[in-house]
Amino acid sequence: MNAREHFKEMRKISNHLTFIITALLVCSVVSADTVILKDGKRMKGLILDEYSDRVVFSTVEGEKTIMKSDIRSAVYDSEAKAMMQKGRNQQKKGQHIKAYYTYEKVLELDPGLEEARQRYNYLRRFLETKLKRDIVDDVRARGEREKGAESIDPLREARDELGIVLVPGEKFVRVGKVLDRNDTVTRSGIREGDRIVSVWGEMAAYLDPDEVAGMMLSSREIKVEIERTAVVGFSGAGGGFFSRLFKRYGNIIGASVGMKKKGLMVRGVHPGGAFDKAGIREGDLLCRIGGKNTRYVSMPKIVDLIIKDRAKDVEIVFSRNIVFWGKGGLS
């Protein structure tokens, strides 16, 4: 091949690569969610979480919390996500049966959408027990009225039936106390200070304690996601060049971790290691390390966060799924 032919061939390859890169960039923009603010500004990214009054939005500049009062509309990148929003709205209005079938349709479109699966499972259990609870509550309410007693208090029922005292928190309702009244609760490992993130996948952020108690009491089997803060000591960890530390990160933290869709998941814990001593277990999701959000953060950056101040203890916030039952929930 002479120089002219070589030049032509290289130019073809260059044009082909340019086309591929351009297509990838276009696809990344098209697939992004779009939030339109009331001032007309458009923001592209990924809607991560949605609460009653705000959304958490991931952009190229990082995660942003946007109040719903500032949002005119949101455009989702797929039919599944659009229907997901429809289901949330139905559930918020108390249209549980409609929401149930909406989430079922979402899962047909996107079987991997974890939020839809959690909400679908929650509503299935909710609807299965609703009729029974309605009958029991009606009889109980009539008895209470006849005795001139006060109406049923979800917080009191959560304390008496579950043995859990719920108290207000800054963002999430906290477990104020765990009473020795329910073996499944005490064995589950839930403890004082835990923050209730969700109940059967239903987000519990910015709710009052009585609302969270009501969510828990809607089913005999109860699955909650808790958030907990642990102080981990890495004083004996590491040393040497970063590349060596990265290869040995399992020895540094005393565990193995892997990237999942929702963040960093603990895959295994070494007995006697730093994570084991701090009470972090296999299956826990690492949310923040040293005050830094770990969602979409690379493993080298995580290792850097851990070993940056090896002489000091590091504060790690993690979440965990816990299952327990109300009294009579197990035969």
C-alpha atoms as a PDB file:
ATOM      1  CA  MET A   1       0.000   0.000   0.000  1.00  0.00           C
ATOM      2  CA  ASN A   2       1.472   3.357  -1.077  1.00  0.00           C
ATOM      3  CA  ALA A   3       1.324   6.561   1.002  1.00  0.00           C
ATOM      4  CA  ARG A   4      -1.777   7.938  -0.803  1.00  0.00           C
ATOM      5  CA  GLU A   5      -3.774   4.714  -0.286  1.00  0.00           C
ATOM      6  CA  HIS A   6      -2.647   4.546   3.343  1.00  0.00           C
ATOM      7  CA  PHE A   7      -3.837   8.139   3.879  1.00  0.00           C
ATOM      8  CA  LYS A   8      -7.250   7.364   2.329  1.00  0.00           C
ATOM      9  CA  GLU A   9      -7.659   4.278   4.516  1.00  0.00           C
ATOM     10  CA  MET A  10      -6.773   6.224   7.686  1.00  0.00           C
ATOM     11  CA  ARG A  11      -9.247   8.951   6.711  1.00  0.00           C
ATOM     12  CA  LYS A  12     -12.040   6.362   6.306  1.00  0.00           C
ATOM     13  CA  ILE A  13     -11.295   4.951   9.756  1.00  0.00           C
ATOM     14  CA  SER A  14     -11.262   8.459  11.246  1.00  0.00           C
ATOM     15  CA  ASN A  15     -14.631   9.310   9.660  1.00  0.00           C
ATOM     16  CA  HIS A  16     -16.089   6.027  10.911  1.00  0.00           C
ATOM     17  CA  LEU A  17     -14.900   6.683  14.468  1.00  0.00           C
ATOM     18  CA  THR A  18     -16.286  10.227  14.327  1.00  0.00           C
ATOM     19  CA  PHE A  19     -19.668   8.847  13.266  1.00  0.00           C
ATOM     20  CA  ILE A  20     -19.696   6.299  16.124  1.00  0.00           C
ATOM     21  CA  ILE A  21     -18.725   8.886  18.751  1.00  0.00           C
ATOM     22  CA  THR A  22     -21.350  11.314  17.466  1.00  0.00           C
ATOM     23  CA  ALA A  23     -24.013   8.602  17.546  1.00  0.00           C
ATOM     24  CA  LEU A  24     -23.096   7.670  21.097  1.00  0.00           C
ATOM     25  CA  LEU A  25     -23.300  11.288  22.205  1.00  0.00           C
ATOM     26  CA  VAL A  26     -26.680  11.729  20.545  1.00  0.00           C
ATOM     27  CA  CYS A  27     -27.988   8.535  22.153  1.00  0.00           C
ATOM     28  CA  SER A  28     -26.816   9.630  25.596  1.00  0.00           C
ATOM     29  CA  VAL A  29     -28.687  12.916  25.253  1.00  0.00           C
ATOM     30  CA  VAL A  30     -31.823  11.323  23.843  1.00  0.00           C
ATOM     31  CA  SER A  31     -31.966   8.706  26.607  1.00  0.00           C
ATOM     32  CA  ALA A  32     -31.717  11.277  29.390  1.00  0.00           C
ATOM     33  CA  ASP A  33     -34.679  12.376  31.494  1.00  0.00           C
ATOM     34  CA  THR A  34     -35.592  16.046  31.142  1.00  0.00           C
ATOM     35  CA  VAL A  35     -36.821  18.281  33.949  1.00  0.00           C
ATOM     36  CA  ILE A  36     -38.437  21.554  32.841  1.00  0.00           C
ATOM     37  CA  LEU A  37     -38.376  24.252  35.512  1.00  0.00           C
ATOM     38  CA  LYS A  38     -41.021  26.936  35.872  1.00  0.00           C
ATOM     39  CA  ASP A  39     -38.541  29.566  34.657  1.00  0.00           C
ATOM     40  CA  GLY A  40     -38.253  27.640  31.362  1.00  0.00           C
ATOM     41  CA  LYS A  41     -34.835  26.151  32.065  1.00  0.00           C
ATOM     42  CA  ARG A  42     -34.358  22.535  30.911  1.00  0.00           C
ATOM     43  CA  MET A  43     -32.110  20.109  32.771  1.00  0.00           C
ATOM     44  CA  LYS A  44     -31.032  16.733  31.390  1.00  0.00           C
ATOM     45  CA  GLY A  45     -29.902  13.810  33.501  1.00  0.00           C
ATOM     46  CA  LEU A  46     -31.396  10.885  35.403  1.00  0.00           C
ATOM     47  CA  ILE A  47     -34.218  11.092  37.952  1.00  0.00           C
ATOM     48  CA  LEU A  48     -32.882   8.901  40.779  1.00  0.00           C
ATOM     49  CA  ASP A  49     -35.432   9.297  43.580  1.00  0.00           C
ATOM     50  CA  GLU A  50     -38.775  11.040  43.901  1.00  0.00           C
ATOM     51  CA  TYR A  51     -40.352  12.160  47.163  1.00  0.00           C
ATOM     52  CA  SER A  52     -43.620  13.928  47.980  1.00  0.00           C
ATOM     53  CA  ASP A  53     -42.125  17.405  47.598  1.00  0.00           C
ATOM     54  CA  ARG A  54     -38.800  16.984  45.733  1.00  0.00           C
ATOM     55  CA  VAL A  55     -36.806  14.896  43.273  1.00  0.00           C
ATOM     56  CA  VAL A  56     -33.146  13.851  43.310  1.00  0.00           C
ATOM     57  CA  PHE A  57     -31.705  14.474  39.844  1.00  0.00           C
ATOM     58  CA  SER A  58     -28.301  13.218  38.637  1.00  0.00           C
ATOM     59  CA  THR A  59     -26.559  15.474  36.106  1.00  0.00           C
ATOM     60  CA  VAL A  60     -23.053  15.741  34.680  1.00  0.00           C
ATOM     61  CA  GLU A  61     -22.410  18.269  37.452  1.00  0.00           C
ATOM     62  CA  GLY A  62     -23.462  15.844  40.178  1.00  0.00           C
ATOM     63  CA  GLU A  63     -26.656  15.093  42.097  1.00  0.00           C
ATOM     64  CA  LYS A  64     -29.133  17.922  42.622  1.00  0.00           C
ATOM     65  CA  THR A  65     -32.243  18.109  44.803  1.00  0.00           C
ATOM     66  CA  ILE A  66     -35.034  20.037  43.071  1.00  0.00           C
ATOM     67  CA  MET A  67     -38.257  21.044  44.817  1.00  0.00           C
ATOM     68  CA  LYS A  68     -41.414  20.030  42.953  1.00  0.00           C
ATOM     69  CA  SER A  69     -42.744  23.551  43.446  1.00  0.00           C
ATOM     70  CA  ASP A  70     -39.990  24.716  41.040  1.00  0.00           C
ATOM     71  CA  ILE A  71     -40.771  22.066  38.382  1.00  0.00           C
ATOM     72  CA  ARG A  72     -43.227  22.647  35.541  1.00  0.00           C
ATOM     73  CA  SER A  73     -43.004  19.131  34.111  1.00  0.00           C
ATOM     74  CA  ALA A  74     -40.738  16.087  33.715  1.00  0.00           C
ATOM     75  CA  VAL A  75     -40.202  14.077  30.545  1.00  0.00           C
ATOM     76  CA  TYR A  76     -38.953  10.507  31.004  1.00  0.00           C
ATOM     77  CA  ASP A  77     -36.735   8.688  28.537  1.00  0.00           C
ATOM     78  CA  SER A  78     -38.946   5.600  28.189  1.00  0.00           C
ATOM     79  CA  GLU A  79     -42.555   4.430  28.306  1.00  0.00           C
ATOM     80  CA  ALA A  80     -41.737   2.338  31.384  1.00  0.00           C
ATOM     81  CA  LYS A  81     -40.537   5.387  33.324  1.00  0.00           C
ATOM     82  CA  ALA A  82     -43.549   7.425  32.221  1.00  0.00           C
ATOM     83  CA  MET A  83     -45.884   4.669  33.428  1.00  0.00           C
ATOM     84  CA  MET A  84     -43.840   4.447  36.619  1.00  0.00           C
ATOM     85  CA  GLN A  85     -44.719   8.072  37.340  1.00  0.00           C
ATOM     86  CA  LYS A  86     -48.383   7.302  36.579  1.00  0.00           C
ATOM     87  CA  GLY A  87     -48.272   4.478  39.136  1.00  0.00           C
ATOM     88  CA  ARG A  88     -46.701   6.732  41.775  1.00  0.00           C
ATOM     89  CA  ASN A  89     -49.456   9.311  41.274  1.00  0.00           C
ATOM     90  CA  GLN A  90     -52.165   6.633  41.518  1.00  0.00           C
ATOM     91  CA  GLN A  91     -50.603   5.254  44.680  1.00  0.00           C
ATOM     92  CA  LYS A  92     -50.335   8.733  46.177  1.00  0.00           C
ATOM     93  CA  LYS A  93     -54.068   9.273  45.547  1.00  0.00           C
ATOM     94  CA  GLY A  94     -54.904   5.967  47.230  1.00  0.00           C
ATOM     95  CA  GLN A  95     -55.824   4.251  43.938  1.00  0.00           C
ATOM     96  CA  HIS A  96     -54.025   1.082  44.997  1.00  0.00           C
ATOM     97  CA  ILE A  97     -55.656  -1.383  42.588  1.00  0.00           C
ATOM     98  CA  LYS A  98     -55.001   0.864  39.573  1.00  0.00           C
ATOM     99  CA  ALA A  99     -51.397   1.396  40.726  1.00  0.00           C
ATOM    100  CA  TYR A 100     -50.939  -2.364  41.153  1.00  0.00           C
ATOM    101  CA  TYR A 101     -51.851  -3.057  37.516  1.00  0.00           C
ATOM    102  CA  THR A 102     -49.811  -0.065  36.321  1.00  0.00           C
ATOM    103  CA  TYR A 103     -46.671  -1.446  37.995  1.00  0.00           C
ATOM    104  CA  GLU A 104     -47.471  -4.852  36.497  1.00  0.00           C
ATOM    105  CA  LYS A 105     -47.433  -3.235  33.046  1.00  0.00           C
ATOM    106  CA  VAL A 106     -44.161  -1.427  33.874  1.00  0.00           C
ATOM    107  CA  LEU A 107     -42.516  -4.755  34.718  1.00  0.00           C
ATOM    108  CA  GLU A 108     -43.687  -6.199  31.403  1.00  0.00           C
ATOM    109  CA  LEU A 109     -41.929  -3.308  29.650  1.00  0.00           C
ATOM    110  CA  ASP A 110     -38.830  -3.295  31.878  1.00  0.00           C
ATOM    111  CA  PRO A 111     -38.452  -6.385  34.145  1.00  0.00           C
ATOM    112  CA  GLY A 112     -35.246  -4.936  35.621  1.00  0.00           C
ATOM    113  CA  LEU A 113     -36.860  -1.800  37.093  1.00  0.00           C
ATOM    114  CA  GLU A 114     -36.318  -2.463  40.794  1.00  0.00           C
ATOM    115  CA  GLU A 115     -38.550   0.334  42.119  1.00  0.00           C
ATOM    116  CA  ALA A 116     -41.508  -1.002  40.113  1.00  0.00           C
ATOM    117  CA  ARG A 117     -40.925  -4.519  41.460  1.00  0.00           C
ATOM    118  CA  GLN A 118     -40.744  -3.304  45.067  1.00  0.00           C
ATOM    119  CA  ARG A 119     -43.886  -1.185  44.738  1.00  0.00           C
ATOM    120  CA  TYR A 120     -45.691  -4.044  42.957  1.00  0.00           C
ATOM    121  CA  ASN A 121     -44.781  -6.490  45.751  1.00  0.00           C
ATOM    122  CA  TYR A 122     -45.748  -3.972  48.426  1.00  0.00           C
ATOM    123  CA  LEU A 123     -49.175  -3.372  46.857  1.00  0.00           C
ATOM    124  CA  ARG A 124     -49.771  -7.103  46.385  1.00  0.00           C
ATOM    125  CA  ARG A 125     -49.253  -7.679  50.097  1.00  0.00           C
ATOM    126  CA  PHE A 126     -51.171  -4.533  50.956  1.00  0.00           C
ATOM    127  CA  LEU A 127     -54.212  -5.597  48.918  1.00  0.00           C
ATOM    128  CA  GLU A 128     -54.041  -9.173  50.228  1.00  0.00           C
ATOM    129  CA  THR A 129     -54.310  -7.988  53.825  1.00  0.00           C
ATOM    130  CA  LYS A 130     -56.461  -4.885  53.332  1.00  0.00           C
ATOM    131  CA  LEU A 131     -59.828  -6.660  53.425  1.00  0.00           C
ATOM    132  CA  LYS A 132     -58.917  -8.571  56.587  1.00  0.00           C
ATOM    133  CA  ARG A 133     -57.561  -5.448  58.259  1.00  0.00           C
ATOM    134  CA  ASP A 134     -60.611  -3.420  57.249  1.00  0.00           C
ATOM    135  CA  ILE A 135     -62.864  -5.944  58.980  1.00  0.00           C
ATOM    136  CA  VAL A 136     -60.674  -6.104  62.089  1.00  0.00           C
ATOM    137  CA  ASP A 137     -60.286  -2.317  62.234  1.00  0.00           C
ATOM    138  CA  ASP A 138     -64.027  -1.800  61.821  1.00  0.00           C
ATOM    139  CA  VAL A 139     -64.829  -4.156  64.703  1.00  0.00           C
ATOM    140  CA  ARG A 140     -62.088  -2.651  66.846  1.00  0.00           C
ATOM    141  CA  ALA A 141     -63.121   0.927  66.059  1.00  0.00           C
ATOM    142  CA  ARG A 142     -66.719   0.197  66.954  1.00  0.00           C
ATOM    143  CA  GLY A 143     -65.586  -1.360  70.221  1.00  0.00           C
ATOM    144  CA  GLU A 144     -63.401   1.650  70.978  1.00  0.00           C
ATOM    145  CA  ARG A 145     -66.247   4.034  70.232  1.00  0.00           C
ATOM    146  CA  GLU A 146     -68.579   2.063  72.469  1.00  0.00           C
ATOM    147  CA  LYS A 147     -66.077   2.307  75.301  1.00  0.00           C
ATOM    148  CA  GLY A 148     -65.583   5.989  74.641  1.00  0.00           C
ATOM    149  CA  ALA A 149     -61.900   5.406  74.008  1.00  0.00           C
ATOM    150  CA  GLU A 150     -59.672   7.346  71.647  1.00  0.00           C
ATOM    151  CA  SER A 151     -59.278   6.254  68.022  1.00  0.00           C
ATOM    152  CA  ILE A 152     -56.513   3.796  67.124  1.00  0.00           C
ATOM    153  CA  ASP A 153     -53.048   5.365  67.231  1.00  0.00           C
ATOM    154  CA  PRO A 154     -50.577   3.856  64.667  1.00  0.00           C
ATOM    155  CA  LEU A 155     -47.582   4.802  66.837  1.00  0.00           C
ATOM    156  CA  ARG A 156     -49.077   3.083  69.856  1.00  0.00           C
ATOM    157  CA  GLU A 157     -49.959   0.016  67.770  1.00  0.00           C
ATOM    158  CA  ALA A 158     -46.406  -0.123  66.327  1.00  0.00           C
ATOM    159  CA  ARG A 159     -45.063   0.027  69.878  1.00  0.00           C
ATOM    160  CA  ASP A 160     -47.456  -2.603  71.258  1.00  0.00           C
ATOM    161  CA  GLU A 161     -47.540  -5.011  68.290  1.00  0.00           C
ATOM    162  CA  LEU A 162     -44.065  -4.609  66.795  1.00  0.00           C
ATOM    163  CA  GLY A 163     -42.119  -3.403  69.805  1.00  0.00           C
ATOM    164  CA  ILE A 164     -40.733  -0.428  67.855  1.00  0.00           C
ATOM    165  CA  VAL A 165     -40.876   3.190  69.026  1.00  0.00           C
ATOM    166  CA  LEU A 166     -40.674   5.621  66.086  1.00  0.00           C
ATOM    167  CA  VAL A 167     -39.530   9.228  66.540  1.00  0.00           C
ATOM    168  CA  PRO A 168     -39.109  12.187  64.130  1.00  0.00           C
ATOM    169  CA  GLY A 169     -35.845  12.678  62.233  1.00  0.00           C
ATOM    170  CA  GLU A 170     -34.354  15.298  59.934  1.00  0.00           C
ATOM    171  CA  LYS A 171     -35.157  13.433  56.699  1.00  0.00           C
ATOM    172  CA  PHE A 172     -36.153   9.939  57.782  1.00  0.00           C
ATOM    173  CA  VAL A 173     -38.155   8.755  60.786  1.00  0.00           C
ATOM    174  CA  ARG A 174     -35.812   7.137  63.315  1.00  0.00           C
ATOM    175  CA  VAL A 175     -36.124   4.084  65.534  1.00  0.00           C
ATOM    176  CA  GLY A 176     -36.182   5.616  69.006  1.00  0.00           C
ATOM    177  CA  LYS A 177     -36.258   2.329  70.875  1.00  0.00           C
ATOM    178  CA  VAL A 178     -36.608  -1.415  70.262  1.00  0.00           C
ATOM    179  CA  LEU A 179     -38.691  -3.070  72.975  1.00  0.00           C
ATOM    180  CA  ASP A 180     -38.454  -6.732  73.934  1.00  0.00           C
ATOM    181  CA  ARG A 181     -41.986  -7.537  72.718  1.00  0.00           C
ATOM    182  CA  ASN A 182     -41.523  -9.234  69.348  1.00  0.00           C
ATOM    183  CA  ASP A 183     -38.894 -11.929  68.768  1.00  0.00           C
ATOM    184  CA  THR A 184     -38.807 -11.445  64.973  1.00  0.00           C
ATOM    185  CA  VAL A 185     -38.051  -7.742  65.426  1.00  0.00           C
ATOM    186  CA  THR A 186     -35.238  -8.247  67.929  1.00  0.00           C
ATOM    187  CA  ARG A 187     -33.736 -11.060  65.804  1.00  0.00           C
ATOM    188  CA  SER A 188     -33.910  -8.935  62.640  1.00  0.00           C
ATOM    189  CA  GLY A 189     -31.104  -6.694  63.890  1.00  0.00           C
ATOM    190  CA  ILE A 190     -32.993  -3.401  63.658  1.00  0.00           C
ATOM    191  CA  ARG A 191     -31.770  -1.112  66.396  1.00  0.00           C
ATOM    192  CA  GLU A 192     -32.098   2.264  68.042  1.00  0.00           C
ATOM    193  CA  GLY A 193     -30.989   5.121  65.797  1.00  0.00           C
ATOM    194  CA  ASP A 194     -31.750   3.341  62.500  1.00  0.00           C
ATOM    195  CA  ARG A 195     -33.427   5.585  59.926  1.00  0.00           C
ATOM    196  CA  ILE A 196     -36.431   4.148  58.013  1.00  0.00           C
ATOM    197  CA  VAL A 197     -35.771   4.777  54.300  1.00  0.00           C
ATOM    198  CA  SER A 198     -38.663   2.745  52.841  1.00  0.00           C
ATOM    199  CA  VAL A 199     -41.347   0.178  53.681  1.00  0.00           C
ATOM    200  CA  TRP A 200     -41.858  -2.493  50.984  1.00  0.00           C
ATOM    201  CA  GLY A 201     -40.157  -0.142  48.510  1.00  0.00           C
ATOM    202  CA  GLU A 202     -42.459   2.783  49.384  1.00  0.00           C
ATOM    203  CA  MET A 203     -40.163   5.744  50.079  1.00  0.00           C
ATOM    204  CA  ALA A 204     -40.548   7.108  53.626  1.00  0.00           C
ATOM    205  CA  ALA A 205     -38.518  10.321  53.367  1.00  0.00           C
ATOM    206  CA  TYR A 206     -40.040  13.471  54.904  1.00  0.00           C
ATOM    207  CA  LEU A 207     -42.985  11.558  56.409  1.00  0.00           C
ATOM    208  CA  ASP A 208     -44.240  11.790  59.990  1.00  0.00           C
ATOM    209  CA  PRO A 209     -43.723   8.895  62.436  1.00  0.00           C
ATOM    210  CA  ASP A 210     -47.446   7.997  62.470  1.00  0.00           C
ATOM    211  CA  GLU A 211     -47.447   7.745  58.640  1.00  0.00           C
ATOM    212  CA  VAL A 212     -44.454   5.379  58.671  1.00  0.00           C
ATOM    213  CA  ALA A 213     -46.076   3.342  61.463  1.00  0.00           C
ATOM    214  CA  GLY A 214     -49.224   3.032  59.339  1.00  0.00           C
ATOM    215  CA  MET A 215     -47.145   1.773  56.382  1.00  0.00           C
ATOM    216  CA  MET A 216     -45.545  -0.862  58.603  1.00  0.00           C
ATOM    217  CA  LEU A 217     -48.874  -2.024  60.002  1.00  0.00           C
ATOM    218  CA  SER A 218     -50.439  -2.506  56.557  1.00  0.00           C
ATOM    219  CA  SER A 219     -49.023  -6.053  56.308  1.00  0.00           C
ATOM    220  CA  ARG A 220     -48.143  -8.844  58.723  1.00  0.00           C
ATOM    221  CA  GLU A 221     -44.820  -9.405  56.954  1.00  0.00           C
ATOM    222  CA  ILE A 222     -42.826  -6.179  56.998  1.00  0.00           C
ATOM    223  CA  LYS A 223     -39.800  -5.340  54.863  1.00  0.00           C
ATOM    224  CA  VAL A 224     -38.024  -2.081  55.633  1.00  0.00           C
ATOM    225  CA  GLU A 225     -34.882  -0.488  54.261  1.00  0.00           C
ATOM    226  CA  ILE A 226     -32.936   1.150  57.056  1.00  0.00           C
ATOM    227  CA  GLU A 227     -30.021   3.567  56.902  1.00  0.00           C
ATOM    228  CA  ARG A 228     -27.324   3.413  59.568  1.00  0.00           C
ATOM    229  CA  THR A 229     -24.104   5.284  60.280  1.00  0.00           C
ATOM    230  CA  ALA A 230     -20.991   3.346  61.313  1.00  0.00           C
ATOM    231  CA  VAL A 231     -17.597   4.687  62.365  1.00  0.00           C
ATOM    232  CA  VAL A 232     -14.907   2.473  60.836  1.00  0.00           C
ATOM    233  CA  GLY A 233     -11.284   2.422  61.927  1.00  0.00           C
ATOM    234  CA  PHE A 234      -8.704   1.966  59.154  1.00  0.00           C
ATOM    235  CA  SER A 235      -5.676   3.056  61.204  1.00  0.00           C
ATOM    236  CA  GLY A 236      -3.759  -0.119  60.372  1.00  0.00           C
ATOM    237  CA  ALA A 237      -4.593  -0.076  56.692  1.00  0.00           C
ATOM    238  CA  GLY A 238      -2.411   0.204  53.666  1.00  0.00           C
ATOM    239  CA  GLY A 239       0.695   2.152  52.854  1.00  0.00           C
ATOM    240  CA  GLY A 240       2.712   2.368  49.642  1.00  0.00           C
ATOM    241  CA  PHE A 241       1.676   3.494  46.179  1.00  0.00           C
ATOM    242  CA  PHE A 242      -1.985   3.939  45.232  1.00  0.00           C
ATOM    243  CA  SER A 243      -1.846   1.234  42.539  1.00  0.00           C
ATOM    244  CA  ARG A 244      -0.817  -1.345  45.125  1.00  0.00           C
ATOM    245  CA  LEU A 245      -3.448  -0.112  47.554  1.00  0.00           C
ATOM    246  CA  PHE A 246      -6.136  -0.398  44.900  1.00  0.00           C
ATOM    247  CA  LYS A 247      -5.214  -4.040  44.265  1.00  0.00           C
ATOM    248  CA  ARG A 248      -5.317  -4.682  48.009  1.00  0.00           C
ATOM    249  CA  TYR A 249      -8.467  -2.691  48.851  1.00  0.00           C
ATOM    250  CA  GLY A 250     -10.107  -5.881  50.187  1.00  0.00           C
ATOM    251  CA  ASN A 251      -7.406  -6.108  52.849  1.00  0.00           C
ATOM    252  CA  ILE A 252      -7.718  -2.403  53.639  1.00  0.00           C
ATOM    253  CA  ILE A 253     -11.462  -2.383  54.325  1.00  0.00           C
ATOM    254  CA  GLY A 254     -11.735  -5.979  55.427  1.00  0.00           C
ATOM    255  CA  ALA A 255     -14.383  -6.758  52.815  1.00  0.00           C
ATOM    256  CA  SER A 256     -15.066  -7.160  49.115  1.00  0.00           C
ATOM    257  CA  VAL A 257     -17.434  -4.752  47.383  1.00  0.00           C
ATOM    258  CA  GLY A 258     -18.878  -4.440  43.885  1.00  0.00           C
ATOM    259  CA  MET A 259     -20.689  -1.855  41.813  1.00  0.00           C
ATOM    260  CA  LYS A 260     -24.461  -2.314  41.528  1.00  0.00           C
ATOM    261  CA  LYS A 261     -27.147  -0.179  39.890  1.00  0.00           C
ATOM    262  CA  LYS A 262     -27.942   1.527  43.199  1.00  0.00           C
ATOM    263  CA  GLY A 263     -24.310   1.927  44.294  1.00  0.00           C
ATOM    264  CA  LEU A 264     -21.615  -0.039  46.119  1.00  0.00           C
ATOM    265  CA  MET A 265     -22.763  -3.399  47.472  1.00  0.00           C
ATOM    266  CA  VAL A 266     -20.806  -5.342  50.106  1.00  0.00           C
ATOM    267  CA  ARG A 267     -20.220  -8.824  48.662  1.00  0.00           C
ATOM    268  CA  GLY A 268     -18.327 -10.360  51.548  1.00  0.00           C
ATOM    269  CA  VAL A 269     -16.893  -9.383  54.951  1.00  0.00           C
ATOM    270  CA  HIS A 270     -13.613 -10.689  56.340  1.00  0.00           C
ATOM    271  CA  PRO A 271     -13.991 -11.890  59.966  1.00  0.00           C
ATOM    272  CA  GLY A 272     -12.182  -9.509  62.300  1.00  0.00           C
ATOM    273  CA  GLY A 273     -11.721  -6.878  59.576  1.00  0.00           C
ATOM    274  CA  ALA A 274     -12.602  -3.187  59.740  1.00  0.00           C
ATOM    275  CA  PHE A 275     -16.103  -3.640  58.262  1.00  0.00           C
ATOM    276  CA  ASP A 276     -16.839  -6.651  60.482  1.00  0.00           C
ATOM    277  CA  LYS A 277     -15.887  -4.702  63.623  1.00  0.00           C
ATOM    278  CA  ALA A 278     -18.130  -1.810  62.528  1.00  0.00           C
ATOM    279  CA  GLY A 279     -21.150  -4.096  62.040  1.00  0.00           C
ATOM    280  CA  ILE A 280     -21.270  -3.860  58.230  1.00  0.00           C
ATOM    281  CA  ARG A 281     -22.521  -7.085  56.643  1.00  0.00           C
ATOM    282  CA  GLU A 282     -22.697  -8.792  53.272  1.00  0.00           C
ATOM    283  CA  GLY A 283     -25.527  -7.299  51.198  1.00  0.00           C
ATOM    284  CA  ASP A 284     -25.301  -3.823  52.755  1.00  0.00           C
ATOM    285  CA  LEU A 285     -25.307  -0.881  50.344  1.00  0.00           C
ATOM    286  CA  LEU A 286     -22.665   1.776  51.007  1.00  0.00           C
ATOM    287  CA  CYS A 287     -24.318   5.203  50.613  1.00  0.00           C
ATOM    288  CA  ARG A 288     -21.745   7.720  51.851  1.00  0.00           C
ATOM    289  CA  ILE A 289     -18.094   7.510  52.884  1.00  0.00           C
ATOM    290  CA  GLY A 290     -16.586  10.418  54.771  1.00  0.00           C
ATOM    291  CA  GLY A 291     -19.590  12.561  53.809  1.00  0.00           C
ATOM    292  CA  LYS A 292     -19.202  11.800  50.083  1.00  0.00           C
ATOM    293  CA  ASN A 293     -22.042  10.147  48.146  1.00  0.00           C
ATOM    294  CA  THR A 294     -20.813   6.865  46.631  1.00  0.00           C
ATOM    295  CA  ARG A 295     -23.453   6.522  43.897  1.00  0.00           C
ATOM    296  CA  TYR A 296     -21.713   6.322  40.485  1.00  0.00           C
ATOM    297  CA  VAL A 297     -18.281   6.834  42.105  1.00  0.00           C
ATOM    298  CA  SER A 298     -15.445   4.714  40.698  1.00  0.00           C
ATOM    299  CA  MET A 299     -13.655   2.122  42.817  1.00  0.00           C
ATOM    300  CA  PRO A 300     -10.314   3.982  42.794  1.00  0.00           C
ATOM    301  CA  LYS A 301     -12.115   7.057  44.135  1.00  0.00           C
ATOM    302  CA  ILE A 302     -13.732   4.969  46.879  1.00  0.00           C
ATOM    303  CA  VAL A 303     -10.352   3.566  47.925  1.00  0.00           C
ATOM    304  CA  ASP A 304      -8.975   7.113  47.910  1.00  0.00           C
ATOM    305  CA  LEU A 305     -11.806   8.258  50.220  1.00  0.00           C
ATOM    306  CA  ILE A 306     -11.024   5.421  52.637  1.00  0.00           C
ATOM    307  CA  ILE A 307      -7.238   5.771  52.762  1.00  0.00           C
ATOM    308  CA  LYS A 308      -7.057   9.589  52.566  1.00  0.00           C
ATOM    309  CA  ASP A 309      -6.962   9.891  56.355  1.00  0.00           C
ATOM    310  CA  ARG A 310      -5.862   6.432  57.438  1.00  0.00           C
ATOM    311  CA  ALA A 311      -4.963   7.627  60.919  1.00  0.00           C
ATOM    312  CA  LYS A 312      -8.557   8.729  61.545  1.00  0.00           C
ATOM    313  CA  ASP A 313     -11.838   6.873  61.815  1.00  0.00           C
ATOM    314  CA  VAL A 314     -14.048   7.120  58.734  1.00  0.00           C
ATOM    315  CA  GLU A 315     -17.814   7.655  58.938  1.00  0.00           C
ATOM    316  CA  ILE A 316     -19.701   5.312  56.597  1.00  0.00           C
ATOM    317  CA  VAL A 317     -23.446   5.483  55.976  1.00  0.00           C
ATOM    318  CA  PHE A 318     -24.957   2.245  54.685  1.00  0.00           C
ATOM    319  CA  SER A 319     -28.443   0.860  54.042  1.00  0.00           C
ATOM    320  CA  ARG A 320     -29.791  -2.623  54.726  1.00  0.00           C
ATOM    321  CA  ASN A 321     -33.033  -4.516  54.012  1.00  0.00           C
ATOM    322  CA  ILE A 322     -34.632  -6.000  57.127  1.00  0.00           C
ATOM    323  CA  VAL A 323     -37.671  -8.290  57.341  1.00  0.00           C
ATOM    324  CA  PHE A 324     -39.773  -8.983  60.441  1.00  0.00           C
ATOM    325  CA  TRP A 325     -43.384  -9.821  61.301  1.00  0.00           C
ATOM    326  CA  GLY A 326     -46.174  -8.450  63.409  1.00  0.00           C
ATOM    327  CA  LYS A 327     -47.576 -10.575  66.227  1.00  0.00           C
ATOM    328  CA  GLY A 328     -49.228 -13.640  64.756  1.00  0.00           C
ATOM    329  CA  GLY A 329     -47.398 -13.151  61.454  1.00  0.00           C
ATOM    330  CA  LEU A 330     -45.662 -16.526  61.735  1.00  0.00           C
ATOM    331  CA  SER A 331     -47.599 -19.725  62.257  1.00  0.00           C
END
